[in-house]
């Protein structure tokens, strides 16, 4: 399945860490696993779900950052001009907040279950927050 199992709402996805390009972000996230939160539909960024984390500090800066994650890519915005957050793209995304364009560290990529990615996004849009759990796949 991959390095991780991501259970979001009723869907299960396999995922892999992007260790080569985002080693600090991967290590910081791995140290906090299992990581459980809620995913809601993005407000400004397009087709994605986000996990608002307030002032949660992962202790990382920018690495492998992008404003345009592809479907199935997961980015971590480490905080700064907006709150800390994780975003999962399910379609076209231009990562932004009410403060303007942001960039987040691409540190995870979904590897399986992708046929349910859009379903997850639409479920969050029309039904509201979905639980999401990131776990090591053993």
Protein backbone atom coordinates (compact mmCIF):
# COMPACT_ATOMS: atom_id res chain seq x y z
CA UNK A 1 0.00 0.00 0.00
CA UNK A 2 2.87 2.39 0.75
CA UNK A 3 4.54 3.96 3.79
CA UNK A 4 1.24 5.15 5.25
CA UNK A 5 -2.44 4.46 5.43
CA UNK A 6 -4.68 7.52 5.26
CA UNK A 7 -8.27 6.92 6.33
CA UNK A 8 -10.45 9.87 5.37
CA UNK A 9 -14.18 9.61 5.93
CA UNK A 10 -15.13 6.14 4.60
CA UNK A 11 -12.13 5.95 2.23
CA UNK A 12 -8.69 4.37 2.68
CA UNK A 13 -5.67 5.57 0.72
CA UNK A 14 -2.08 4.37 0.57
CA UNK A 15 0.57 7.09 0.72
CA UNK A 16 4.31 7.54 0.62
CA UNK A 17 6.58 10.03 2.30
CA UNK A 18 8.57 12.32 0.01
CA UNK A 19 11.73 11.76 2.10
CA UNK A 20 14.26 12.85 -0.54
CA UNK A 21 12.78 16.31 -1.13
CA UNK A 22 11.16 17.06 2.25
CA UNK A 23 13.15 15.12 4.89
CA UNK A 24 12.56 17.54 7.78
CA UNK A 25 8.81 17.76 7.19
CA UNK A 26 8.54 13.97 6.85
CA UNK A 27 10.48 13.42 10.09
CA UNK A 28 8.38 15.99 11.98
CA UNK A 29 5.12 14.45 10.77
CA UNK A 30 6.28 10.87 11.35
CA UNK A 31 7.11 11.77 14.98
CA UNK A 32 3.47 12.79 15.53
CA UNK A 33 1.83 9.68 14.10
CA UNK A 34 -0.78 8.46 14.27
CA UNK A 35 -2.05 11.92 13.37
CA UNK A 36 -5.82 12.41 13.72
CA UNK A 37 -7.80 15.48 12.75
CA UNK A 38 -10.74 16.70 10.63
CA UNK A 39 -10.69 17.58 6.94
CA UNK A 40 -12.99 20.28 5.58
CA UNK A 41 -13.35 21.62 2.07
CA UNK A 42 -10.97 24.46 1.22
CA UNK A 43 -12.32 28.01 1.08
CA UNK A 44 -10.02 29.79 -1.37
CA UNK A 45 -7.74 27.18 -2.91
CA UNK A 46 -9.97 25.27 -5.35
CA UNK A 47 -10.46 21.50 -5.28
CA UNK A 48 -8.94 20.33 -2.04
CA UNK A 49 -9.60 19.51 1.57
CA UNK A 50 -7.66 21.10 4.40
CA UNK A 51 -6.93 20.40 7.99
CA UNK A 52 -6.73 23.70 9.91
CA UNK A 53 -4.28 23.36 12.80
CA UNK A 54 -4.18 26.85 14.31
CA UNK A 55 -0.84 27.60 15.93
CA UNK A 56 0.33 23.95 15.94
CA UNK A 57 4.10 24.01 15.44
CA UNK A 58 5.80 21.23 13.50
CA UNK A 59 9.15 22.98 13.93
CA UNK A 60 9.95 23.08 10.21
CA UNK A 61 10.43 25.80 7.62
CA UNK A 62 9.93 25.63 3.89
CA UNK A 63 11.22 22.70 1.85
CA UNK A 64 9.88 21.35 -1.44
CA UNK A 65 7.15 23.99 -1.20
CA UNK A 66 4.52 24.65 -3.82
CA UNK A 67 1.35 26.66 -4.33
CA UNK A 68 0.05 24.19 -6.92
CA UNK A 69 -0.13 20.65 -5.50
CA UNK A 70 -1.37 18.02 -7.97
CA UNK A 71 -4.28 15.73 -7.13
CA UNK A 72 -3.17 13.24 -4.48
CA UNK A 73 -0.35 15.44 -3.17
CA UNK A 74 -0.43 16.51 0.47
CA UNK A 75 1.26 19.69 1.61
CA UNK A 76 2.02 21.16 5.04
CA UNK A 77 1.94 24.90 5.52
CA UNK A 78 4.14 25.43 8.60
CA UNK A 79 2.46 28.68 9.63
CA UNK A 80 3.46 32.29 9.32
CA UNK A 81 1.08 34.73 7.69
CA UNK A 82 -1.77 32.23 8.07
CA UNK A 83 -2.41 29.34 10.44
CA UNK A 84 -0.65 25.99 10.24
CA UNK A 85 -2.51 23.61 7.96
CA UNK A 86 -2.34 20.46 5.90
CA UNK A 87 -3.95 20.41 2.45
CA UNK A 88 -4.84 17.45 0.22
CA UNK A 89 -5.55 18.30 -3.42
CA UNK A 90 -8.24 16.30 -5.23
CA UNK A 91 -8.33 18.50 -8.34
CA UNK A 92 -7.00 21.88 -9.43
CA UNK A 93 -5.51 23.82 -6.50
CA UNK A 94 -3.93 27.26 -6.20
CA UNK A 95 -3.07 27.26 -2.50
CA UNK A 96 -4.22 30.46 -0.79
CA UNK A 97 -5.79 31.95 2.31
CA UNK A 98 -7.58 35.20 3.06
CA UNK A 99 -4.06 36.66 3.29
CA UNK A 100 -3.29 35.66 -0.33
CA UNK A 101 -1.20 33.00 -2.03
CA UNK A 102 0.61 30.49 0.21
CA UNK A 103 3.11 27.71 -0.38
CA UNK A 104 3.24 24.44 1.52
CA UNK A 105 5.75 21.62 1.79
CA UNK A 106 4.85 18.68 -0.45
CA UNK A 107 5.73 15.81 1.88
CA UNK A 108 3.20 13.04 1.14
CA UNK A 109 1.72 11.60 -2.04
CA UNK A 110 -1.25 9.24 -2.20
CA UNK A 111 -0.38 6.01 -4.00
CA UNK A 112 -3.59 3.99 -3.93
CA UNK A 113 -7.32 4.50 -3.57
CA UNK A 114 -7.12 7.46 -5.95
CA UNK A 115 -10.45 6.49 -7.54
CA UNK A 116 -12.06 7.80 -4.32
CA UNK A 117 -10.16 11.08 -4.10
CA UNK A 118 -12.78 13.24 -5.82
CA UNK A 119 -15.53 11.46 -3.87
CA UNK A 120 -13.79 12.49 -0.63
CA UNK A 121 -13.56 16.11 -1.77
CA UNK A 122 -17.21 16.25 -2.79
CA UNK A 123 -18.25 14.57 0.46
CA UNK A 124 -16.40 17.24 2.46
CA UNK A 125 -17.96 19.96 0.32
CA UNK A 126 -21.57 18.78 0.60
CA UNK A 127 -21.63 16.87 3.90
CA UNK A 128 -19.05 18.74 5.98
CA UNK A 129 -15.99 17.77 8.00
CA UNK A 130 -14.61 14.26 7.59
CA UNK A 131 -12.36 12.51 10.09
CA UNK A 132 -8.87 11.81 8.78
CA UNK A 133 -6.19 9.58 10.29
CA UNK A 134 -2.59 9.19 9.09
CA UNK A 135 -0.97 5.93 10.28
CA UNK A 136 2.16 3.95 9.49
CA UNK A 137 1.15 1.06 7.22
CA UNK A 138 2.46 -2.09 8.88
